[in-house]
PDB file of N, CA and C in Angstrom:
ATOM      1  N   MET A   1      37.166  -6.244 -18.747  1.00  0.00           N
ATOM      2  CA  MET A   1      36.773  -4.917 -18.308  1.00  0.00           C
ATOM      3  C   MET A   1      35.852  -5.000 -17.089  1.00  0.00           C
ATOM      4  N   LYS A   2      34.866  -5.899 -17.146  1.00  0.00           N
ATOM      5  CA  LYS A   2      33.946  -6.027 -16.008  1.00  0.00           C
ATOM      6  C   LYS A   2      34.681  -6.464 -14.753  1.00  0.00           C
ATOM      7  N   LEU A   3      35.671  -7.331 -14.913  1.00  0.00           N
ATOM      8  CA  LEU A   3      36.430  -7.806 -13.763  1.00  0.00           C
ATOM      9  C   LEU A   3      37.179  -6.655 -13.097  1.00  0.00           C
ATOM     10  N   LYS A   4      37.767  -5.764 -13.895  1.00  0.00           N
ATOM     11  CA  LYS A   4      38.471  -4.602 -13.341  1.00  0.00           C
ATOM     12  C   LYS A   4      37.499  -3.678 -12.610  1.00  0.00           C
ATOM     13  N   LEU A   5      36.317  -3.506 -13.152  1.00  0.00           N
ATOM     14  CA  LEU A   5      35.308  -2.657 -12.522  1.00  0.00           C
ATOM     15  C   LEU A   5      34.871  -3.248 -11.189  1.00  0.00           C
ATOM     16  N   VAL A   6      34.644  -4.542 -11.160  1.00  0.00           N
ATOM     17  CA  VAL A   6      34.248  -5.217  -9.918  1.00  0.00           C
ATOM     18  C   VAL A   6      35.357  -5.095  -8.879  1.00  0.00           C
ATOM     19  N   ALA A   7      36.593  -5.283  -9.302  1.00  0.00           N
ATOM     20  CA  ALA A   7      37.718  -5.173  -8.380  1.00  0.00           C
ATOM     21  C   ALA A   7      37.828  -3.755  -7.827  1.00  0.00           C
ATOM     22  N   ALA A   8      37.670  -2.759  -8.683  1.00  0.00           N
ATOM     23  CA  ALA A   8      37.754  -1.360  -8.239  1.00  0.00           C
ATOM     24  C   ALA A   8      36.626  -1.038  -7.263  1.00  0.00           C
ATOM     25  N   LEU A   9      35.420  -1.492  -7.544  1.00  0.00           N
ATOM     26  CA  LEU A   9      34.292  -1.239  -6.654  1.00  0.00           C
ATOM     27  C   LEU A   9      34.471  -1.942  -5.317  1.00  0.00           C
ATOM     28  N   THR A  10      35.045  -3.132  -5.338  1.00  0.00           N
ATOM     29  CA  THR A  10      35.297  -3.861  -4.094  1.00  0.00           C
ATOM     30  C   THR A  10      36.287  -3.102  -3.224  1.00  0.00           C
ATOM     31  N   ILE A  11      37.342  -2.619  -3.811  1.00  0.00           N
ATOM     32  CA  ILE A  11      38.351  -1.858  -3.064  1.00  0.00           C
ATOM     33  C   ILE A  11      37.741  -0.584  -2.494  1.00  0.00           C
ATOM     34  N   LEU A  12      36.955   0.120  -3.294  1.00  0.00           N
ATOM     35  CA  LEU A  12      36.318   1.347  -2.816  1.00  0.00           C
ATOM     36  C   LEU A  12      35.336   1.072  -1.695  1.00  0.00           C
ATOM     37  N   SER A  13      34.637  -0.045  -1.764  1.00  0.00           N
ATOM     38  CA  SER A  13      33.664  -0.346  -0.715  1.00  0.00           C
ATOM     39  C   SER A  13      34.353  -0.707   0.597  1.00  0.00           C
ATOM     40  N   LEU A  14      35.592  -1.169   0.551  1.00  0.00           N
ATOM     41  CA  LEU A  14      36.334  -1.503   1.758  1.00  0.00           C
ATOM     42  C   LEU A  14      37.031  -0.298   2.379  1.00  0.00           C
ATOM     43  N   SER A  15      37.154   0.778   1.652  1.00  0.00           N
ATOM     44  CA  SER A  15      37.856   1.956   2.153  1.00  0.00           C
ATOM     45  C   SER A  15      37.309   2.479   3.470  1.00  0.00           C
ATOM     46  N   PRO A  16      35.981   2.616   3.645  1.00  0.00           N
ATOM     47  CA  PRO A  16      35.492   3.088   4.947  1.00  0.00           C
ATOM     48  C   PRO A  16      35.850   2.145   6.092  1.00  0.00           C
ATOM     49  N   VAL A  17      35.877   0.861   5.835  1.00  0.00           N
ATOM     50  CA  VAL A  17      36.232  -0.109   6.870  1.00  0.00           C
ATOM     51  C   VAL A  17      37.684   0.096   7.287  1.00  0.00           C
ATOM     52  N   LEU A  18      38.545   0.319   6.344  1.00  0.00           N
ATOM     53  CA  LEU A  18      39.952   0.519   6.651  1.00  0.00           C
ATOM     54  C   LEU A  18      40.165   1.815   7.423  1.00  0.00           C
ATOM     55  N   ALA A  19      39.359   2.832   7.160  1.00  0.00           N
ATOM     56  CA  ALA A  19      39.507   4.115   7.841  1.00  0.00           C
ATOM     57  C   ALA A  19      39.068   4.032   9.302  1.00  0.00           C
ATOM     58  N   LEU A  20      38.271   3.030   9.657  1.00  0.00           N
ATOM     59  CA  LEU A  20      37.757   2.912  11.010  1.00  0.00           C
ATOM     60  C   LEU A  20      38.640   2.060  11.918  1.00  0.00           C
ATOM     61  N   ALA A  21      39.812   1.725  11.488  1.00  0.00           N
ATOM     62  CA  ALA A  21      40.713   0.917  12.316  1.00  0.00           C
ATOM     63  C   ALA A  21      41.019   1.652  13.610  1.00  0.00           C
ATOM     64  N   SER A  22      41.193   0.893  14.686  1.00  0.00           N
ATOM     65  CA  SER A  22      41.433   1.527  15.981  1.00  0.00           C
ATOM     66  C   SER A  22      42.796   2.214  15.995  1.00  0.00           C
ATOM     67  N   PRO A  23      42.907   3.287  16.767  1.00  0.00           N
ATOM     68  CA  PRO A  23      44.173   4.024  16.834  1.00  0.00           C
ATOM     69  C   PRO A  23      45.205   3.263  17.653  1.00  0.00           C
ATOM     70  N   SER A  24      46.426   3.713  17.583  1.00  0.00           N
ATOM     71  CA  SER A  24      47.478   3.174  18.431  1.00  0.00           C
ATOM     72  C   SER A  24      47.544   4.050  19.677  1.00  0.00           C
ATOM     73  N   CYS A  25      47.270   3.468  20.848  1.00  0.00           N
ATOM     74  CA  CYS A  25      47.170   4.254  22.078  1.00  0.00           C
ATOM     75  C   CYS A  25      48.437   4.215  22.924  1.00  0.00           C
ATOM     76  N   THR A  26      49.147   3.097  22.917  1.00  0.00           N
ATOM     77  CA  THR A  26      50.371   2.993  23.711  1.00  0.00           C
ATOM     78  C   THR A  26      51.234   1.867  23.181  1.00  0.00           C
ATOM     79  N   LYS A  27      52.502   1.943  23.492  1.00  0.00           N
ATOM     80  CA  LYS A  27      53.430   0.851  23.200  1.00  0.00           C
ATOM     81  C   LYS A  27      53.851   0.155  24.488  1.00  0.00           C
ATOM     82  N   GLU A  28      53.333   0.638  25.618  1.00  0.00           N
ATOM     83  CA  GLU A  28      53.681   0.070  26.920  1.00  0.00           C
ATOM     84  C   GLU A  28      53.061  -1.316  27.100  1.00  0.00           C
ATOM     85  N   PRO A  29      53.738  -2.205  27.822  1.00  0.00           N
ATOM     86  CA  PRO A  29      53.173  -3.535  28.090  1.00  0.00           C
ATOM     87  C   PRO A  29      51.964  -3.424  29.021  1.00  0.00           C
ATOM     88  N   LYS A  30      51.092  -4.421  28.963  1.00  0.00           N
ATOM     89  CA  LYS A  30      49.873  -4.395  29.781  1.00  0.00           C
ATOM     90  C   LYS A  30      50.171  -4.310  31.272  1.00  0.00           C
ATOM     91  N   SER A  31      51.335  -4.724  31.688  1.00  0.00           N
ATOM     92  CA  SER A  31      51.697  -4.638  33.107  1.00  0.00           C
ATOM     93  C   SER A  31      51.771  -3.186  33.593  1.00  0.00           C
ATOM     94  N   LYS A  32      51.912  -2.232  32.674  1.00  0.00           N
ATOM     95  CA  LYS A  32      51.978  -0.818  33.033  1.00  0.00           C
ATOM     96  C   LYS A  32      50.641  -0.100  32.855  1.00  0.00           C
ATOM     97  N   TRP A  33      49.621  -0.819  32.357  1.00  0.00           N
ATOM     98  CA  TRP A  33      48.321  -0.204  32.129  1.00  0.00           C
ATOM     99  C   TRP A  33      47.624   0.076  33.459  1.00  0.00           C
ATOM    100  N   MET A  34      46.803   1.107  33.474  1.00  0.00           N
ATOM    101  CA  MET A  34      45.950   1.415  34.613  1.00  0.00           C
ATOM    102  C   MET A  34      44.942   0.266  34.773  1.00  0.00           C
ATOM    103  N   PRO A  35      44.684  -0.176  35.998  1.00  0.00           N
ATOM    104  CA  PRO A  35      43.672  -1.229  36.180  1.00  0.00           C
ATOM    105  C   PRO A  35      42.324  -0.780  35.600  1.00  0.00           C
ATOM    106  N   GLU A  36      41.552  -1.732  35.077  1.00  0.00           N
ATOM    107  CA  GLU A  36      40.279  -1.405  34.439  1.00  0.00           C
ATOM    108  C   GLU A  36      39.353  -0.632  35.373  1.00  0.00           C
ATOM    109  N   ALA A  37      39.277  -1.032  36.636  1.00  0.00           N
ATOM    110  CA  ALA A  37      38.385  -0.351  37.582  1.00  0.00           C
ATOM    111  C   ALA A  37      38.791   1.113  37.760  1.00  0.00           C
ATOM    112  N   ALA A  38      40.089   1.383  37.830  1.00  0.00           N
ATOM    113  CA  ALA A  38      40.575   2.758  37.966  1.00  0.00           C
ATOM    114  C   ALA A  38      40.276   3.563  36.697  1.00  0.00           C
ATOM    115  N   MET A  39      40.433   2.913  35.545  1.00  0.00           N
ATOM    116  CA  MET A  39      40.162   3.602  34.280  1.00  0.00           C
ATOM    117  C   MET A  39      38.682   3.919  34.163  1.00  0.00           C
ATOM    118  N   LYS A  40      37.821   2.972  34.529  1.00  0.00           N
ATOM    119  CA  LYS A  40      36.378   3.222  34.472  1.00  0.00           C
ATOM    120  C   LYS A  40      35.998   4.389  35.378  1.00  0.00           C
ATOM    121  N   ALA A  41      36.591   4.453  36.564  1.00  0.00           N
ATOM    122  CA  ALA A  41      36.306   5.557  37.495  1.00  0.00           C
ATOM    123  C   ALA A  41      36.758   6.890  36.894  1.00  0.00           C
ATOM    124  N   LYS A  42      37.917   6.906  36.250  1.00  0.00           N
ATOM    125  CA  LYS A  42      38.424   8.132  35.631  1.00  0.00           C
ATOM    126  C   LYS A  42      37.506   8.578  34.491  1.00  0.00           C
ATOM    127  N   ILE A  43      37.054   7.617  33.688  1.00  0.00           N
ATOM    128  CA  ILE A  43      36.173   7.931  32.557  1.00  0.00           C
ATOM    129  C   ILE A  43      34.856   8.521  33.068  1.00  0.00           C
ATOM    130  N   GLU A  44      34.306   7.925  34.110  1.00  0.00           N
ATOM    131  CA  GLU A  44      33.057   8.442  34.675  1.00  0.00           C
ATOM    132  C   GLU A  44      33.264   9.828  35.276  1.00  0.00           C
ATOM    133  N   ALA A  45      34.434  10.076  35.868  1.00  0.00           N
ATOM    134  CA  ALA A  45      34.745  11.406  36.417  1.00  0.00           C
ATOM    135  C   ALA A  45      34.843  12.455  35.305  1.00  0.00           C
ATOM    136  N   MET A  46      35.137  12.012  34.078  1.00  0.00           N
ATOM    137  CA  MET A  46      35.182  12.914  32.923  1.00  0.00           C
ATOM    138  C   MET A  46      33.776  13.244  32.427  1.00  0.00           C
ATOM    139  N   GLY A  47      32.779  12.564  32.968  1.00  0.00           N
ATOM    140  CA  GLY A  47      31.397  12.842  32.581  1.00  0.00           C
ATOM    141  C   GLY A  47      30.780  11.837  31.639  1.00  0.00           C
ATOM    142  N   TYR A  48      31.482  10.758  31.335  1.00  0.00           N
ATOM    143  CA  TYR A  48      30.936   9.739  30.450  1.00  0.00           C
ATOM    144  C   TYR A  48      30.103   8.726  31.232  1.00  0.00           C
ATOM    145  N   LYS A  49      29.035   8.257  30.601  1.00  0.00           N
ATOM    146  CA  LYS A  49      28.244   7.141  31.113  1.00  0.00           C
ATOM    147  C   LYS A  49      28.606   5.949  30.242  1.00  0.00           C
ATOM    148  N   VAL A  50      29.277   4.963  30.824  1.00  0.00           N
ATOM    149  CA  VAL A  50      29.809   3.832  30.070  1.00  0.00           C
ATOM    150  C   VAL A  50      28.761   2.739  29.923  1.00  0.00           C
ATOM    151  N   LYS A  51      28.478   2.389  28.676  1.00  0.00           N
ATOM    152  CA  LYS A  51      27.597   1.252  28.384  1.00  0.00           C
ATOM    153  C   LYS A  51      28.446   0.008  28.160  1.00  0.00           C
ATOM    154  N   THR A  52      29.512   0.159  27.374  1.00  0.00           N
ATOM    155  CA  THR A  52      30.423  -0.942  27.070  1.00  0.00           C
ATOM    156  C   THR A  52      31.851  -0.465  27.262  1.00  0.00           C
ATOM    157  N   PHE A  53      32.648  -1.266  27.962  1.00  0.00           N
ATOM    158  CA  PHE A  53      34.071  -0.982  28.184  1.00  0.00           C
ATOM    159  C   PHE A  53      34.836  -2.187  27.672  1.00  0.00           C
ATOM    160  N   GLU A  54      35.820  -1.965  26.811  1.00  0.00           N
ATOM    161  CA  GLU A  54      36.585  -3.097  26.269  1.00  0.00           C
ATOM    162  C   GLU A  54      38.007  -2.694  25.937  1.00  0.00           C
ATOM    163  N   ILE A  55      38.817  -3.701  25.732  1.00  0.00           N
ATOM    164  CA  ILE A  55      40.187  -3.500  25.250  1.00  0.00           C
ATOM    165  C   ILE A  55      40.151  -3.724  23.748  1.00  0.00           C
ATOM    166  N   THR A  56      40.597  -2.725  23.005  1.00  0.00           N
ATOM    167  CA  THR A  56      40.655  -2.815  21.550  1.00  0.00           C
ATOM    168  C   THR A  56      42.083  -2.534  21.141  1.00  0.00           C
ATOM    169  N   GLY A  57      42.772  -3.567  20.665  1.00  0.00           N
ATOM    170  CA  GLY A  57      44.181  -3.400  20.310  1.00  0.00           C
ATOM    171  C   GLY A  57      44.972  -3.040  21.547  1.00  0.00           C
ATOM    172  N   ASN A  58      45.599  -1.863  21.524  1.00  0.00           N
ATOM    173  CA  ASN A  58      46.362  -1.395  22.687  1.00  0.00           C
ATOM    174  C   ASN A  58      45.694  -0.168  23.317  1.00  0.00           C
ATOM    175  N   CYS A  59      44.359  -0.170  23.302  1.00  0.00           N
ATOM    176  CA  CYS A  59      43.558   0.926  23.849  1.00  0.00           C
ATOM    177  C   CYS A  59      42.476   0.386  24.781  1.00  0.00           C
ATOM    178  N   TYR A  60      42.028   1.239  25.689  1.00  0.00           N
ATOM    179  CA  TYR A  60      40.757   1.035  26.358  1.00  0.00           C
ATOM    180  C   TYR A  60      39.742   1.783  25.494  1.00  0.00           C
ATOM    181  N   GLU A  61      38.597   1.168  25.235  1.00  0.00           N
ATOM    182  CA  GLU A  61      37.576   1.783  24.398  1.00  0.00           C
ATOM    183  C   GLU A  61      36.244   1.710  25.116  1.00  0.00           C
ATOM    184  N   ILE A  62      35.473   2.791  25.013  1.00  0.00           N
ATOM    185  CA  ILE A  62      34.129   2.771  25.586  1.00  0.00           C
ATOM    186  C   ILE A  62      33.099   3.150  24.529  1.00  0.00           C
ATOM    187  N   TYR A  63      31.899   2.637  24.738  1.00  0.00           N
ATOM    188  CA  TYR A  63      30.708   3.077  24.031  1.00  0.00           C
ATOM    189  C   TYR A  63      29.752   3.526  25.120  1.00  0.00           C
ATOM    190  N   GLY A  64      29.143   4.665  24.930  1.00  0.00           N
ATOM    191  CA  GLY A  64      28.220   5.168  25.929  1.00  0.00           C
ATOM    192  C   GLY A  64      27.736   6.551  25.575  1.00  0.00           C
ATOM    193  N   LYS A  65      27.599   7.396  26.595  1.00  0.00           N
ATOM    194  CA  LYS A  65      27.112   8.764  26.415  1.00  0.00           C
ATOM    195  C   LYS A  65      28.126   9.737  27.014  1.00  0.00           C
ATOM    196  N   ASP A  66      28.255  10.907  26.372  1.00  0.00           N
ATOM    197  CA  ASP A  66      29.124  11.939  26.937  1.00  0.00           C
ATOM    198  C   ASP A  66      28.333  12.773  27.947  1.00  0.00           C
ATOM    199  N   LYS A  67      28.938  13.809  28.487  1.00  0.00           N
ATOM    200  CA  LYS A  67      28.286  14.603  29.535  1.00  0.00           C
ATOM    201  C   LYS A  67      27.062  15.355  29.024  1.00  0.00           C
ATOM    202  N   ASN A  68      26.920  15.471  27.698  1.00  0.00           N
ATOM    203  CA  ASN A  68      25.753  16.123  27.101  1.00  0.00           C
ATOM    204  C   ASN A  68      24.672  15.121  26.709  1.00  0.00           C
ATOM    205  N   GLY A  69      24.899  13.840  27.022  1.00  0.00           N
ATOM    206  CA  GLY A  69      23.932  12.801  26.673  1.00  0.00           C
ATOM    207  C   GLY A  69      24.024  12.315  25.241  1.00  0.00           C
ATOM    208  N   GLU A  70      25.060  12.749  24.533  1.00  0.00           N
ATOM    209  CA  GLU A  70      25.266  12.327  23.141  1.00  0.00           C
ATOM    210  C   GLU A  70      26.017  10.994  23.097  1.00  0.00           C
ATOM    211  N   ARG A  71      25.721  10.194  22.069  1.00  0.00           N
ATOM    212  CA  ARG A  71      26.430   8.927  21.899  1.00  0.00           C
ATOM    213  C   ARG A  71      27.925   9.172  21.770  1.00  0.00           C
ATOM    214  N   ALA A  72      28.702   8.283  22.371  1.00  0.00           N
ATOM    215  CA  ALA A  72      30.155   8.457  22.342  1.00  0.00           C
ATOM    216  C   ALA A  72      30.850   7.120  22.154  1.00  0.00           C
ATOM    217  N   GLU A  73      31.859   7.143  21.324  1.00  0.00           N
ATOM    218  CA  GLU A  73      32.810   6.040  21.183  1.00  0.00           C
ATOM    219  C   GLU A  73      34.165   6.699  21.385  1.00  0.00           C
ATOM    220  N   VAL A  74      34.880   6.287  22.434  1.00  0.00           N
ATOM    221  CA  VAL A  74      36.122   6.971  22.789  1.00  0.00           C
ATOM    222  C   VAL A  74      37.216   5.949  23.057  1.00  0.00           C
ATOM    223  N   TYR A  75      38.400   6.218  22.515  1.00  0.00           N
ATOM    224  CA  TYR A  75      39.583   5.400  22.752  1.00  0.00           C
ATOM    225  C   TYR A  75      40.475   6.142  23.739  1.00  0.00           C
ATOM    226  N   PHE A  76      40.976   5.422  24.726  1.00  0.00           N
ATOM    227  CA  PHE A  76      41.821   6.006  25.759  1.00  0.00           C
ATOM    228  C   PHE A  76      43.184   5.329  25.802  1.00  0.00           C
ATOM    229  N   ASN A  77      44.214   6.124  26.128  1.00  0.00           N
ATOM    230  CA  ASN A  77      45.524   5.562  26.413  1.00  0.00           C
ATOM    231  C   ASN A  77      45.389   4.825  27.746  1.00  0.00           C
ATOM    232  N   PRO A  78      45.672   3.527  27.787  1.00  0.00           N
ATOM    233  CA  PRO A  78      45.459   2.758  29.012  1.00  0.00           C
ATOM    234  C   PRO A  78      46.502   3.004  30.102  1.00  0.00           C
ATOM    235  N   VAL A  79      47.552   3.731  29.785  1.00  0.00           N
ATOM    236  CA  VAL A  79      48.578   4.043  30.782  1.00  0.00           C
ATOM    237  C   VAL A  79      48.253   5.376  31.456  1.00  0.00           C
ATOM    238  N   SER A  80      47.998   6.404  30.655  1.00  0.00           N
ATOM    239  CA  SER A  80      47.752   7.743  31.195  1.00  0.00           C
ATOM    240  C   SER A  80      46.274   8.050  31.413  1.00  0.00           C
ATOM    241  N   GLY A  81      45.407   7.344  30.680  1.00  0.00           N
ATOM    242  CA  GLY A  81      43.976   7.628  30.737  1.00  0.00           C
ATOM    243  C   GLY A  81      43.545   8.762  29.829  1.00  0.00           C
ATOM    244  N   ASP A  82      44.475   9.306  29.042  1.00  0.00           N
ATOM    245  CA  ASP A  82      44.156  10.402  28.123  1.00  0.00           C
ATOM    246  C   ASP A  82      43.315   9.905  26.960  1.00  0.00           C
ATOM    247  N   ILE A  83      42.445  10.798  26.455  1.00  0.00           N
ATOM    248  CA  ILE A  83      41.663  10.481  25.252  1.00  0.00           C
ATOM    249  C   ILE A  83      42.585  10.512  24.049  1.00  0.00           C
ATOM    250  N   VAL A  84      42.516   9.457  23.234  1.00  0.00           N
ATOM    251  CA  VAL A  84      43.325   9.366  22.026  1.00  0.00           C
ATOM    252  C   VAL A  84      42.485   9.710  20.803  1.00  0.00           C
ATOM    253  N   GLN A  85      41.226   9.238  20.786  1.00  0.00           N
ATOM    254  CA  GLN A  85      40.360   9.483  19.633  1.00  0.00           C
ATOM    255  C   GLN A  85      38.903   9.393  20.081  1.00  0.00           C
ATOM    256  N   LYS A  86      38.077  10.274  19.511  1.00  0.00           N
ATOM    257  CA  LYS A  86      36.631  10.248  19.765  1.00  0.00           C
ATOM    258  C   LYS A  86      35.916   9.984  18.451  1.00  0.00           C
ATOM    259  N   GLY A  87      34.788   9.316  18.537  1.00  0.00           N
ATOM    260  CA  GLY A  87      33.942   9.079  17.381  1.00  0.00           C
ATOM    261  C   GLY A  87      32.501   8.913  17.835  1.00  0.00           C
ATOM    262  N   ASP A  88      31.619   8.559  16.919  1.00  0.00           N
ATOM    263  CA  ASP A  88      30.209   8.319  17.271  1.00  0.00           C
ATOM    264  C   ASP A  88      29.960   6.843  17.450  1.00  0.00           C
TER     265      ASP A  88
END
């Protein structure tokens, strides 16, 4: 009985981690992606202040501040530059 309880609690504790998986932003090959410098310029033109810029899966992802100065974690389609998902 204790083993089943431990197993159930372990699975429940992992649920938030699984929910935070990065989104799928594109199926296009990297050769079709917007260059990083162009993407950074587009993101800044949207009003974001980029602290960290990285490739996560098949997305461009930033951590920084939005135009209101609020913390932002944003995933972008690397081909179109469109926002795919926002978080904190």
